[in-house]
């Protein structure tokens, strides 16, 4: 058995920032990660990080834009804290070595992003997430801590009402390992792979969210799933919002700049849920291109601007679509991109389970409410990663020693043995594919009771099939068939939570758009959905939205 004071699960921006905070607080820290830290999905973020810097912008405007963007479901106390930390966080990351793009006068370059009242998105060309990840990885590397790389989290052990540690599998050997810990931070990122058409990496399977849910953690607002308006048609590779921030425009098959119909004031820079619905509406009403897509045009920006500020987009378009964006429009279609929901936390990353913390996209503070503004996610990982790491370290300093036992391995070992013992059974990949088809087809941008009820029926049938899932690979080391089977179980649990929450919420708000309930219903639904695990499935309850200064009003762009 291994022992550490603080265990961070996940090594993207949130996990690394939590680890740095806990190390700086003087704790013995371990980072458990299924990937090398530089392969974390944080590196896929392209467009930028929001911060109100400079005399022309204001923190209050950033706060209001985020509240409005959330369709008034974001907790305003958390949003105020978040936006006030933005400037110092960006400065800190620059001091860590992040090379941001610069304006002609040498100041930090900023570009417009959707839903923002001011161009406050600071960027490093179109590789902002990777630039931040590299700088933080190098900074964290100067500290002393332990890394367990290529390890999969299997269980969070809770005893006597508090976290005692985790059980994980070392992929390199196949060995089950226990790590006793006074506090655990979940920073494992999103669960986008519950959908087939997604911008998320293949590793984004919601492991930490699902395992925390099984350990008694409450999940919050899981029905709110963001679809990015512009993903490359066939591959679903993200085409950053920064492309529209630089002046890119969307056109339908009739050559119309159609966003004038949906957001006449800001056009292509409306919030993501508005633009995604607009694209789908254009396609459904017959104004899309054959095959179901629209065009994103950058050609008018000129070669120098496109290739210097959107270098990665040029590379992706040329390699994966055979399109040169300097001379040709890019075919785009919305794809699942972000989970507004996650493990419910306070501003300090605390969950309802003592000693368990969460940060990043695995968590729900809630600052994004029903819809996230572009540029706020990278900031979220750093601001709340630091908070969770600091709080976990403070808790670990006063907590009693953990009570982890050898017997805590038993239920995990029994489960793994059962997966391998069957001579016949279900293929996990077939279940995954069927789940993704259900989520794409029935729990997408537009929803209805009939489709959601059918989705729930299909998902529960898949969960029944999953009970008979079989792992055919008998290898100990790097048994990816086993990894696949475990990930499918996590995603099925979360797909069920998403769907149950979506059925219950009889309104349209932000990214949750019900065709049978097309209006926002503040009297009934100005509240957060809380999901707890039970034998019958997700048990829903609700909590109030925190207000400070802004009352809900109609959201127009």
Protein backbone atom coordinates (compact mmCIF):
# COMPACT_ATOMS: atom_id res chain seq x y z
CA UNK A 1 0.00 0.00 0.00
CA UNK A 2 1.23 3.48 -0.89
CA UNK A 3 0.55 6.54 1.23
CA UNK A 4 0.37 10.24 0.46
CA UNK A 5 -1.36 13.15 2.11
CA UNK A 6 -3.03 14.55 -1.02
CA UNK A 7 -3.80 12.56 -4.17
CA UNK A 8 -4.67 14.45 -7.36
CA UNK A 9 -6.36 12.30 -10.02
CA UNK A 10 -5.81 13.85 -13.44
CA UNK A 11 -2.86 15.82 -14.78
CA UNK A 12 -4.33 18.42 -17.12
CA UNK A 13 -4.37 22.10 -16.23
CA UNK A 14 -6.75 21.69 -13.28
CA UNK A 15 -4.87 18.71 -11.87
CA UNK A 16 -1.44 20.27 -12.27
CA UNK A 17 -2.58 23.58 -10.75
CA UNK A 18 -4.11 21.69 -7.81
CA UNK A 19 -0.89 19.71 -7.37
CA UNK A 20 1.22 22.87 -7.40
CA UNK A 21 -0.99 24.52 -4.78
CA UNK A 22 -0.88 21.45 -2.53
CA UNK A 23 2.90 21.09 -2.88
CA UNK A 24 3.40 24.77 -2.10
CA UNK A 25 1.29 24.24 1.03
CA UNK A 26 3.86 21.71 2.20
CA UNK A 27 1.92 18.49 1.69
CA UNK A 28 3.12 15.12 0.37
CA UNK A 29 1.39 15.03 -3.02
CA UNK A 30 0.84 12.31 -5.60
CA UNK A 31 -0.58 12.79 -9.10
CA UNK A 32 -2.38 9.80 -10.65
CA UNK A 33 -2.95 10.07 -14.40
CA UNK A 34 -4.12 7.80 -17.21
CA UNK A 35 -2.04 9.84 -19.70
CA UNK A 36 1.27 11.63 -19.81
CA UNK A 37 0.43 15.13 -18.54
CA UNK A 38 1.34 16.79 -21.84
CA UNK A 39 -1.21 14.58 -23.62
CA UNK A 40 -4.01 15.87 -21.41
CA UNK A 41 -7.09 17.24 -23.17
CA UNK A 42 -6.32 20.72 -21.82
CA UNK A 43 -3.81 20.97 -24.65
CA UNK A 44 -6.62 20.78 -27.22
CA UNK A 45 -8.09 24.15 -26.16
CA UNK A 46 -7.30 26.58 -28.94
CA UNK A 47 -8.87 30.03 -28.84
CA UNK A 48 -7.84 31.71 -25.60
CA UNK A 49 -8.36 32.53 -21.94
CA UNK A 50 -10.59 35.33 -20.70
CA UNK A 51 -9.42 38.13 -18.42
CA UNK A 52 -10.48 41.75 -18.10
CA UNK A 53 -7.13 43.51 -18.44
CA UNK A 54 -6.53 47.04 -19.65
CA UNK A 55 -8.35 50.26 -18.88
CA UNK A 56 -11.03 49.76 -21.55
CA UNK A 57 -12.44 46.52 -20.09
CA UNK A 58 -13.81 45.86 -16.61
CA UNK A 59 -14.18 42.88 -14.32
CA UNK A 60 -17.85 43.77 -13.85
CA UNK A 61 -18.44 43.44 -17.58
CA UNK A 62 -16.77 40.01 -17.55
CA UNK A 63 -18.97 39.01 -14.61
CA UNK A 64 -22.15 40.19 -16.33
CA UNK A 65 -21.24 38.51 -19.64
CA UNK A 66 -20.69 35.21 -17.81
CA UNK A 67 -23.97 35.52 -15.87
CA UNK A 68 -25.86 36.31 -19.07
CA UNK A 69 -24.06 33.57 -20.98
CA UNK A 70 -25.09 31.05 -18.31
CA UNK A 71 -28.72 31.95 -19.06
CA UNK A 72 -28.81 33.13 -15.43
CA UNK A 73 -28.27 29.64 -14.00
CA UNK A 74 -24.67 30.36 -12.95
CA UNK A 75 -24.02 31.04 -9.26
CA UNK A 76 -23.19 34.72 -9.20
CA UNK A 77 -21.00 34.60 -6.09
CA UNK A 78 -18.80 31.99 -7.77
CA UNK A 79 -18.79 33.94 -11.05
CA UNK A 80 -17.69 37.13 -9.27
CA UNK A 81 -14.85 35.30 -7.54
CA UNK A 82 -13.86 33.62 -10.79
CA UNK A 83 -13.74 36.82 -12.87
CA UNK A 84 -11.84 38.76 -10.21
CA UNK A 85 -9.17 36.06 -10.17
CA UNK A 86 -8.81 36.15 -13.98
CA UNK A 87 -6.26 38.95 -14.31
CA UNK A 88 -3.91 37.71 -11.58
CA UNK A 89 -4.17 34.17 -12.98
CA UNK A 90 -3.14 35.24 -16.49
CA UNK A 91 -0.25 37.28 -15.09
CA UNK A 92 0.87 34.30 -13.00
CA UNK A 93 0.80 32.01 -16.05
CA UNK A 94 2.84 34.52 -18.03
CA UNK A 95 5.39 34.60 -15.21
CA UNK A 96 5.46 30.78 -15.37
CA UNK A 97 6.58 31.13 -18.99
CA UNK A 98 3.44 31.13 -21.15
CA UNK A 99 4.22 32.92 -24.39
CA UNK A 100 1.03 34.83 -25.24
CA UNK A 101 0.48 36.60 -28.53
CA UNK A 102 1.17 40.34 -28.44
CA UNK A 103 -0.44 43.44 -29.90
CA UNK A 104 1.63 45.96 -31.85
CA UNK A 105 2.24 48.02 -28.71
CA UNK A 106 3.59 44.98 -26.85
CA UNK A 107 0.53 44.45 -24.67
CA UNK A 108 -1.29 41.14 -24.46
CA UNK A 109 -3.23 40.58 -27.68
CA UNK A 110 -6.98 40.06 -27.24
CA UNK A 111 -9.63 38.80 -29.63
CA UNK A 112 -13.45 38.87 -29.51
CA UNK A 113 -15.26 35.71 -28.44
CA UNK A 114 -18.94 34.81 -28.56
CA UNK A 115 -21.19 36.29 -25.89
CA UNK A 116 -18.56 38.74 -24.67
CA UNK A 117 -19.24 42.47 -24.49
CA UNK A 118 -15.56 43.26 -25.02
CA UNK A 119 -12.60 41.56 -26.76
CA UNK A 120 -11.02 40.07 -23.62
CA UNK A 121 -9.83 36.68 -24.84
CA UNK A 122 -6.04 36.52 -24.44
CA UNK A 123 -4.43 33.93 -26.67
CA UNK A 124 -1.30 32.19 -27.90
CA UNK A 125 -2.17 32.00 -31.62
CA UNK A 126 -4.63 29.06 -31.75
CA UNK A 127 -2.70 26.84 -29.33
CA UNK A 128 -3.51 28.57 -26.04
CA UNK A 129 -4.27 25.43 -24.04
CA UNK A 130 -1.04 23.78 -25.13
CA UNK A 131 0.99 26.91 -24.30
CA UNK A 132 -0.51 27.07 -20.80
CA UNK A 133 -0.06 23.33 -20.25
CA UNK A 134 3.61 23.44 -21.25
CA UNK A 135 4.36 26.38 -18.95
CA UNK A 136 2.56 24.85 -15.97
CA UNK A 137 4.15 21.43 -16.54
CA UNK A 138 7.62 23.01 -16.49
CA UNK A 139 6.79 25.02 -13.36
CA UNK A 140 5.37 22.00 -11.53
CA UNK A 141 8.43 20.00 -12.57
CA UNK A 142 10.61 22.16 -10.32
CA UNK A 143 8.76 20.82 -7.26
CA UNK A 144 9.00 17.50 -5.44
CA UNK A 145 5.99 15.17 -5.75
CA UNK A 146 5.15 11.65 -6.96
CA UNK A 147 3.57 10.81 -10.33
CA UNK A 148 1.78 7.56 -11.14
CA UNK A 149 1.49 7.65 -14.91
CA UNK A 150 -0.61 5.25 -17.01
CA UNK A 151 -2.77 4.43 -13.99
CA UNK A 152 -6.57 4.16 -14.15
CA UNK A 153 -8.71 5.16 -11.19
CA UNK A 154 -11.09 2.34 -10.20
CA UNK A 155 -12.49 3.30 -6.80
CA UNK A 156 -12.61 6.13 -4.28
CA UNK A 157 -12.72 4.58 -0.81
CA UNK A 158 -15.06 6.32 1.64
CA UNK A 159 -15.28 5.14 5.23
CA UNK A 160 -16.61 6.82 8.38
CA UNK A 161 -18.05 9.57 6.20
CA UNK A 162 -14.74 10.67 4.69
CA UNK A 163 -12.32 9.80 1.93
CA UNK A 164 -9.64 7.29 2.87
CA UNK A 165 -7.85 6.91 -0.46
CA UNK A 166 -8.20 5.33 -3.88
CA UNK A 167 -7.80 2.03 -5.71
CA UNK A 168 -6.21 2.17 -9.16
CA UNK A 169 -4.73 -0.17 -11.73
CA UNK A 170 -1.22 0.27 -13.05
CA UNK A 171 -1.61 -0.26 -16.80
CA UNK A 172 2.07 -1.02 -17.24
CA UNK A 173 1.84 -4.14 -15.06
CA UNK A 174 -1.86 -4.82 -14.57
CA UNK A 175 -1.37 -4.66 -10.79
CA UNK A 176 -4.10 -3.32 -8.53
CA UNK A 177 -2.75 -0.65 -6.19
CA UNK A 178 -4.06 1.14 -3.13
CA UNK A 179 -3.08 4.69 -2.27
CA UNK A 180 -4.08 5.87 1.18
CA UNK A 181 -4.76 9.61 1.26
CA UNK A 182 -6.20 12.18 3.61
CA UNK A 183 -7.74 14.08 0.69
CA UNK A 184 -8.39 13.38 -3.00
CA UNK A 185 -8.88 15.89 -5.82
CA UNK A 186 -10.70 14.73 -8.96
CA UNK A 187 -9.47 16.60 -12.03
CA UNK A 188 -10.06 13.96 -14.68
CA UNK A 189 -11.77 16.19 -17.23
CA UNK A 190 -14.96 15.66 -19.21
CA UNK A 191 -17.13 12.81 -20.44
CA UNK A 192 -17.58 13.96 -24.02
CA UNK A 193 -17.11 10.49 -25.43
CA UNK A 194 -20.62 9.56 -24.34
CA UNK A 195 -21.37 11.18 -27.70
CA UNK A 196 -20.08 9.91 -31.02
CA UNK A 197 -19.72 13.32 -32.64
CA UNK A 198 -17.50 15.20 -30.19
CA UNK A 199 -14.42 17.41 -30.16
CA UNK A 200 -13.20 15.56 -27.05
CA UNK A 201 -10.20 13.24 -27.05
CA UNK A 202 -10.74 9.49 -26.81
CA UNK A 203 -9.56 9.64 -23.19
CA UNK A 204 -12.47 11.90 -22.15
CA UNK A 205 -14.68 9.18 -20.70
CA UNK A 206 -15.78 10.76 -17.42
CA UNK A 207 -13.92 8.27 -15.22
CA UNK A 208 -13.46 10.54 -12.22
CA UNK A 209 -17.00 11.92 -12.38
CA UNK A 210 -18.57 8.45 -12.52
CA UNK A 211 -16.37 7.00 -9.78
CA UNK A 212 -17.05 9.98 -7.50
CA UNK A 213 -20.80 9.49 -8.20
CA UNK A 214 -20.50 5.84 -7.15
CA UNK A 215 -18.67 6.95 -4.00
CA UNK A 216 -21.57 9.17 -2.95
CA UNK A 217 -20.69 12.49 -4.57
CA UNK A 218 -23.55 14.56 -5.94
CA UNK A 219 -23.51 15.49 -9.61
CA UNK A 220 -24.82 18.88 -10.61
CA UNK A 221 -26.55 20.17 -13.77
CA UNK A 222 -25.49 17.23 -15.92
CA UNK A 223 -28.29 17.82 -18.45
CA UNK A 224 -26.48 20.91 -19.74
CA UNK A 225 -24.17 19.72 -22.52
CA UNK A 226 -22.47 22.25 -24.78
CA UNK A 227 -22.18 21.71 -28.52
CA UNK A 228 -19.51 23.74 -30.27
CA UNK A 229 -20.91 25.32 -33.44
CA UNK A 230 -17.86 24.77 -35.62
CA UNK A 231 -16.31 21.32 -35.75
CA UNK A 232 -14.75 19.99 -38.94
CA UNK A 233 -17.43 18.09 -40.82
CA UNK A 234 -16.20 14.49 -40.91
CA UNK A 235 -13.60 14.29 -38.14
CA UNK A 236 -15.29 16.60 -35.54
CA UNK A 237 -11.93 18.30 -34.95
CA UNK A 238 -12.49 21.62 -33.22
CA UNK A 239 -12.37 24.78 -35.31
CA UNK A 240 -11.77 27.39 -32.63
CA UNK A 241 -14.20 30.19 -31.88
CA UNK A 242 -11.12 32.33 -32.38
CA UNK A 243 -11.69 31.87 -36.13
CA UNK A 244 -14.92 33.85 -35.80
CA UNK A 245 -13.23 36.16 -33.32
CA UNK A 246 -10.72 37.03 -36.03
CA UNK A 247 -13.58 37.86 -38.41
CA UNK A 248 -14.66 34.52 -39.84
CA UNK A 249 -18.29 34.33 -40.98
CA UNK A 250 -20.83 31.54 -41.31
CA UNK A 251 -22.80 31.10 -44.53
CA UNK A 252 -25.46 28.67 -45.67
CA UNK A 253 -25.83 27.01 -49.07
CA UNK A 254 -27.65 30.08 -50.38
CA UNK A 255 -24.67 32.27 -49.59
CA UNK A 256 -26.46 34.04 -46.74
CA UNK A 257 -24.75 35.21 -43.57
CA UNK A 258 -27.57 33.52 -41.71
CA UNK A 259 -26.66 34.57 -38.15
CA UNK A 260 -28.35 37.90 -38.90
CA UNK A 261 -31.64 36.02 -38.40
CA UNK A 262 -30.71 34.70 -34.96
CA UNK A 263 -28.37 37.29 -33.39
CA UNK A 264 -28.73 40.54 -35.36
CA UNK A 265 -26.48 42.56 -33.05
CA UNK A 266 -23.43 40.30 -32.71
CA UNK A 267 -24.00 37.91 -35.65
CA UNK A 268 -21.44 35.08 -35.65
CA UNK A 269 -20.24 36.00 -32.16
CA UNK A 270 -23.40 35.05 -30.31
CA UNK A 271 -23.05 32.51 -27.51
CA UNK A 272 -22.34 28.94 -28.53
CA UNK A 273 -25.77 27.52 -27.82
CA UNK A 274 -27.38 30.20 -30.00
CA UNK A 275 -25.00 29.60 -32.92
CA UNK A 276 -25.29 25.81 -32.69
CA UNK A 277 -29.09 25.94 -32.77
CA UNK A 278 -28.95 28.37 -35.69
CA UNK A 279 -26.78 26.02 -37.75
CA UNK A 280 -29.02 23.03 -37.05
CA UNK A 281 -32.11 25.10 -37.90
CA UNK A 282 -30.58 26.17 -41.22
CA UNK A 283 -29.87 22.54 -42.06
CA UNK A 284 -33.28 21.28 -40.96
CA UNK A 285 -35.04 23.97 -42.99
CA UNK A 286 -33.14 23.04 -46.14
CA UNK A 287 -30.59 25.83 -46.31
CA UNK A 288 -27.57 23.70 -45.45
CA UNK A 289 -25.25 22.03 -47.90
CA UNK A 290 -26.01 18.45 -49.05
CA UNK A 291 -24.81 16.13 -46.29
CA UNK A 292 -25.84 18.58 -43.57
CA UNK A 293 -23.32 21.35 -42.89
CA UNK A 294 -22.61 25.05 -43.38
CA UNK A 295 -19.52 26.99 -44.38
CA UNK A 296 -17.11 28.96 -42.21
CA UNK A 297 -15.37 31.52 -44.42
CA UNK A 298 -11.99 33.00 -43.54
CA UNK A 299 -10.76 33.84 -47.04
CA UNK A 300 -11.49 37.58 -46.74
CA UNK A 301 -9.05 37.85 -43.81
CA UNK A 302 -6.02 37.34 -46.02
CA UNK A 303 -3.24 34.77 -45.96
CA UNK A 304 -0.96 36.51 -43.47
CA UNK A 305 -3.63 36.91 -40.79
CA UNK A 306 -5.03 33.42 -41.25
CA UNK A 307 -1.70 31.62 -41.20
CA UNK A 308 -0.21 33.63 -38.32
CA UNK A 309 -3.19 33.70 -35.97
CA UNK A 310 -4.92 30.44 -36.96
CA UNK A 311 -1.97 28.26 -37.84
CA UNK A 312 -3.37 25.10 -36.26
CA UNK A 313 -6.74 25.57 -37.98
CA UNK A 314 -4.94 25.82 -41.31
CA UNK A 315 -3.03 22.65 -40.51
CA UNK A 316 -6.15 20.70 -39.45
CA UNK A 317 -8.19 21.87 -42.44
CA UNK A 318 -5.50 20.95 -44.93
CA UNK A 319 -4.58 17.59 -43.42
CA UNK A 320 -7.98 16.28 -42.35
CA UNK A 321 -10.39 17.87 -44.85
CA UNK A 322 -8.25 18.66 -47.87
CA UNK A 323 -9.37 22.29 -47.53
CA UNK A 324 -7.11 25.35 -47.68
CA UNK A 325 -8.91 27.97 -45.55
CA UNK A 326 -6.91 30.73 -47.22
CA UNK A 327 -8.78 30.10 -50.47
CA UNK A 328 -11.71 27.81 -49.56
CA UNK A 329 -14.56 27.78 -47.00
CA UNK A 330 -14.36 25.23 -44.18
CA UNK A 331 -17.29 22.76 -43.90
CA UNK A 332 -18.50 22.78 -40.28
CA UNK A 333 -21.22 21.23 -38.15
CA UNK A 334 -21.86 21.40 -34.37
CA UNK A 335 -20.34 18.68 -32.17
CA UNK A 336 -20.45 17.95 -28.45
CA UNK A 337 -17.72 20.00 -26.82
CA UNK A 338 -18.12 20.64 -23.09
CA UNK A 339 -20.03 19.50 -20.01
CA UNK A 340 -21.41 22.39 -17.96
CA UNK A 341 -22.31 19.86 -15.27
CA UNK A 342 -20.04 17.73 -13.14
CA UNK A 343 -19.26 16.89 -9.53
CA UNK A 344 -20.97 19.56 -7.46
CA UNK A 345 -18.47 21.72 -5.56
CA UNK A 346 -18.11 24.93 -3.61
CA UNK A 347 -15.81 27.72 -4.77
CA UNK A 348 -13.02 25.91 -2.89
CA UNK A 349 -13.60 22.63 -4.70
CA UNK A 350 -15.30 20.90 -1.74
CA UNK A 351 -17.87 18.20 -2.51
CA UNK A 352 -20.56 16.72 -0.26
CA UNK A 353 -18.08 13.92 0.63
CA UNK A 354 -15.59 15.00 3.28
CA UNK A 355 -12.03 14.97 1.96
CA UNK A 356 -13.12 14.76 -1.69
CA UNK A 357 -12.50 17.76 -3.95
CA UNK A 358 -12.92 18.41 -7.67
CA UNK A 359 -11.84 20.98 -10.24
CA UNK A 360 -11.89 21.66 -13.97
CA UNK A 361 -14.44 20.18 -16.33
CA UNK A 362 -15.00 17.24 -13.97
CA UNK A 363 -16.48 19.73 -11.49
CA UNK A 364 -19.49 22.06 -11.44
CA UNK A 365 -18.95 25.12 -9.25
CA UNK A 366 -21.33 26.44 -11.01
CA UNK A 367 -19.98 29.32 -13.07
CA UNK A 368 -21.21 28.21 -16.50
CA UNK A 369 -24.82 27.49 -15.57
CA UNK A 370 -26.71 26.43 -18.67
CA UNK A 371 -24.09 27.58 -21.18
CA UNK A 372 -20.35 28.29 -21.04
CA UNK A 373 -18.72 31.25 -22.75
CA UNK A 374 -15.66 30.45 -24.83
CA UNK A 375 -12.43 31.47 -23.09
CA UNK A 376 -13.80 30.74 -19.61
CA UNK A 377 -12.84 27.05 -19.50
CA UNK A 378 -9.06 27.46 -19.46
CA UNK A 379 -9.48 30.10 -16.79
CA UNK A 380 -11.72 27.76 -14.78
CA UNK A 381 -9.08 25.02 -14.69
CA UNK A 382 -6.46 27.35 -13.25
CA UNK A 383 -8.60 29.39 -10.84
CA UNK A 384 -10.46 26.45 -9.32
CA UNK A 385 -7.59 23.98 -9.66
CA UNK A 386 -5.64 26.26 -7.34
CA UNK A 387 -8.58 26.57 -4.96
CA UNK A 388 -9.16 22.81 -4.80
CA UNK A 389 -5.47 22.06 -4.28
CA UNK A 390 -5.20 24.64 -1.50
CA UNK A 391 -8.35 23.41 0.24
CA UNK A 392 -7.33 19.75 -0.06
CA UNK A 393 -3.94 20.56 1.44
CA UNK A 394 -5.51 22.46 4.34
CA UNK A 395 -7.89 19.58 5.03
CA UNK A 396 -5.07 17.03 4.84
CA UNK A 397 -3.06 19.00 7.39
CA UNK A 398 -5.76 18.53 10.03
CA UNK A 399 -7.40 15.24 9.00
CA UNK A 400 -6.89 11.98 10.84
CA UNK A 401 -4.70 9.32 9.19
CA UNK A 402 -6.58 7.41 6.46
CA UNK A 403 -8.16 4.03 7.21
CA UNK A 404 -7.50 2.09 4.02
CA UNK A 405 -7.44 -1.72 4.27
CA UNK A 406 -6.27 -4.54 2.04
CA UNK A 407 -9.89 -5.66 1.89
CA UNK A 408 -10.73 -2.48 -0.04
CA UNK A 409 -9.18 -4.18 -3.08
CA UNK A 410 -11.62 -7.08 -2.90
CA UNK A 411 -14.67 -5.61 -4.66
CA UNK A 412 -12.47 -4.21 -7.41
CA UNK A 413 -10.62 -7.48 -7.91
CA UNK A 414 -13.91 -9.40 -7.97
CA UNK A 415 -15.26 -7.08 -10.64
CA UNK A 416 -12.15 -7.33 -12.83
CA UNK A 417 -12.04 -11.11 -12.49
CA UNK A 418 -15.69 -11.33 -13.54
CA UNK A 419 -14.97 -9.32 -16.70
CA UNK A 420 -12.27 -11.78 -17.73
CA UNK A 421 -13.86 -15.02 -16.55
CA UNK A 422 -16.67 -15.19 -19.12
CA UNK A 423 -16.29 -17.50 -22.10
CA UNK A 424 -19.03 -15.54 -23.84
CA UNK A 425 -20.35 -12.05 -23.39
CA UNK A 426 -20.89 -8.59 -24.77
CA UNK A 427 -18.22 -6.62 -26.63
CA UNK A 428 -17.69 -3.30 -24.79
CA UNK A 429 -17.01 -1.50 -28.06
CA UNK A 430 -20.41 -2.53 -29.45
CA UNK A 431 -22.11 -1.15 -26.33
CA UNK A 432 -20.10 2.08 -26.58
CA UNK A 433 -21.10 2.56 -30.22
CA UNK A 434 -24.78 1.95 -29.45
CA UNK A 435 -24.65 4.39 -26.51
CA UNK A 436 -23.08 7.09 -28.67
CA UNK A 437 -25.72 6.60 -31.37
CA UNK A 438 -28.45 7.05 -28.76
CA UNK A 439 -26.89 10.20 -27.31
CA UNK A 440 -26.20 11.73 -30.73
CA UNK A 441 -29.65 10.96 -32.04
CA UNK A 442 -31.87 11.60 -29.03
CA UNK A 443 -30.02 13.74 -26.44
CA UNK A 444 -28.52 16.37 -28.71
CA UNK A 445 -29.00 20.08 -29.41
CA UNK A 446 -32.80 19.84 -29.72
CA UNK A 447 -34.64 17.55 -27.29
CA UNK A 448 -38.17 16.35 -26.62
CA UNK A 449 -39.83 14.10 -24.07
CA UNK A 450 -40.50 11.39 -26.66
CA UNK A 451 -36.88 11.24 -27.78
CA UNK A 452 -35.45 11.52 -24.27
CA UNK A 453 -37.74 8.78 -22.94
CA UNK A 454 -36.67 6.52 -25.79
CA UNK A 455 -33.04 7.36 -25.06
CA UNK A 456 -33.45 6.41 -21.41
CA UNK A 457 -35.06 3.12 -22.41
CA UNK A 458 -32.17 2.36 -24.78
CA UNK A 459 -29.50 3.36 -22.27
CA UNK A 460 -30.99 1.16 -19.54
CA UNK A 461 -31.13 -1.74 -21.98
CA UNK A 462 -27.44 -1.12 -22.68
CA UNK A 463 -26.70 -1.08 -18.95
CA UNK A 464 -28.36 -4.49 -18.72
CA UNK A 465 -26.23 -5.73 -21.60
CA UNK A 466 -23.17 -4.25 -19.90
CA UNK A 467 -23.68 -6.59 -16.94
CA UNK A 468 -22.63 -9.36 -19.33
CA UNK A 469 -19.68 -7.51 -20.85
CA UNK A 470 -16.59 -9.61 -21.51
CA UNK A 471 -12.86 -8.82 -21.71
CA UNK A 472 -11.18 -11.19 -24.15
CA UNK A 473 -7.63 -9.86 -23.78
CA UNK A 474 -5.80 -11.83 -21.07
CA UNK A 475 -2.67 -9.65 -21.03
CA UNK A 476 -1.62 -8.07 -17.77
CA UNK A 477 0.24 -5.07 -19.16
CA UNK A 478 -1.57 -2.43 -21.22
CA UNK A 479 -4.81 -4.37 -21.46
CA UNK A 480 -6.75 -1.77 -23.41
CA UNK A 481 -9.68 -4.14 -23.85
CA UNK A 482 -10.08 -3.97 -20.06
CA UNK A 483 -9.68 -0.18 -20.10
CA UNK A 484 -12.36 0.06 -22.77
CA UNK A 485 -14.77 -2.08 -20.75
CA UNK A 486 -14.28 0.03 -17.62
CA UNK A 487 -14.69 3.31 -19.51
CA UNK A 488 -17.95 2.15 -21.10
CA UNK A 489 -19.36 1.48 -17.63
CA UNK A 490 -18.46 4.99 -16.52
CA UNK A 491 -20.03 6.57 -19.60
CA UNK A 492 -23.25 4.59 -19.31
CA UNK A 493 -23.75 5.86 -15.77
CA UNK A 494 -23.20 9.46 -16.87
CA UNK A 495 -25.32 9.16 -20.01
CA UNK A 496 -28.18 8.01 -17.77
CA UNK A 497 -27.73 10.99 -15.44
CA UNK A 498 -27.69 13.42 -18.38
CA UNK A 499 -30.86 11.94 -19.83
CA UNK A 500 -32.80 11.71 -16.57
CA UNK A 501 -31.97 15.35 -15.79
CA UNK A 502 -32.98 16.41 -19.31
CA UNK A 503 -36.35 14.65 -19.03
CA UNK A 504 -37.08 16.32 -15.71
CA UNK A 505 -36.19 19.87 -16.83
CA UNK A 506 -39.36 20.93 -18.65
CA UNK A 507 -38.03 24.19 -20.10
CA UNK A 508 -35.46 25.47 -22.58
CA UNK A 509 -32.43 27.19 -21.04
CA UNK A 510 -28.98 27.67 -22.54
CA UNK A 511 -27.73 24.47 -24.12
CA UNK A 512 -30.80 22.51 -22.99
CA UNK A 513 -33.39 23.14 -25.70
CA UNK A 514 -36.72 21.30 -25.45
CA UNK A 515 -38.92 21.51 -28.55
CA UNK A 516 -41.93 20.61 -26.39
CA UNK A 517 -41.05 23.30 -23.82
CA UNK A 518 -39.51 26.06 -25.95
CA UNK A 519 -39.55 28.81 -23.30
CA UNK A 520 -37.38 29.41 -20.25
CA UNK A 521 -39.40 28.92 -17.07
CA UNK A 522 -37.82 30.96 -14.28
CA UNK A 523 -40.69 30.34 -11.87
CA UNK A 524 -40.17 26.58 -11.95
CA UNK A 525 -36.60 26.00 -13.11
CA UNK A 526 -34.32 28.69 -11.77
CA UNK A 527 -32.55 25.97 -9.79
CA UNK A 528 -29.71 23.46 -10.10
CA UNK A 529 -30.32 19.78 -10.73
CA UNK A 530 -28.59 17.51 -8.18
CA UNK A 531 -28.19 13.80 -9.00
CA UNK A 532 -27.29 11.12 -6.46
CA UNK A 533 -26.80 7.44 -7.21
CA UNK A 534 -29.44 4.96 -6.05
CA UNK A 535 -30.32 1.37 -6.93
CA UNK A 536 -33.20 2.62 -9.08
CA UNK A 537 -30.97 5.01 -11.01
CA UNK A 538 -30.21 8.72 -10.56
CA UNK A 539 -32.17 10.29 -7.71
CA UNK A 540 -32.84 13.97 -8.45
CA UNK A 541 -33.12 16.87 -6.06
CA UNK A 542 -32.65 20.60 -6.57
CA UNK A 543 -30.77 23.53 -5.07
CA UNK A 544 -31.12 27.29 -5.35
CA UNK A 545 -29.09 29.48 -7.72
CA UNK A 546 -26.96 32.07 -5.90
CA UNK A 547 -27.74 35.68 -6.81
CA UNK A 548 -25.75 38.80 -6.06
CA UNK A 549 -26.53 41.65 -8.45
CA UNK A 550 -28.31 40.50 -11.59
CA UNK A 551 -31.91 39.31 -11.82
CA UNK A 552 -32.83 37.04 -14.73
CA UNK A 553 -34.02 38.69 -17.92
CA UNK A 554 -34.41 37.71 -21.55
CA UNK A 555 -31.08 36.76 -23.09
CA UNK A 556 -30.64 38.33 -26.53
CA UNK A 557 -27.53 38.89 -28.66
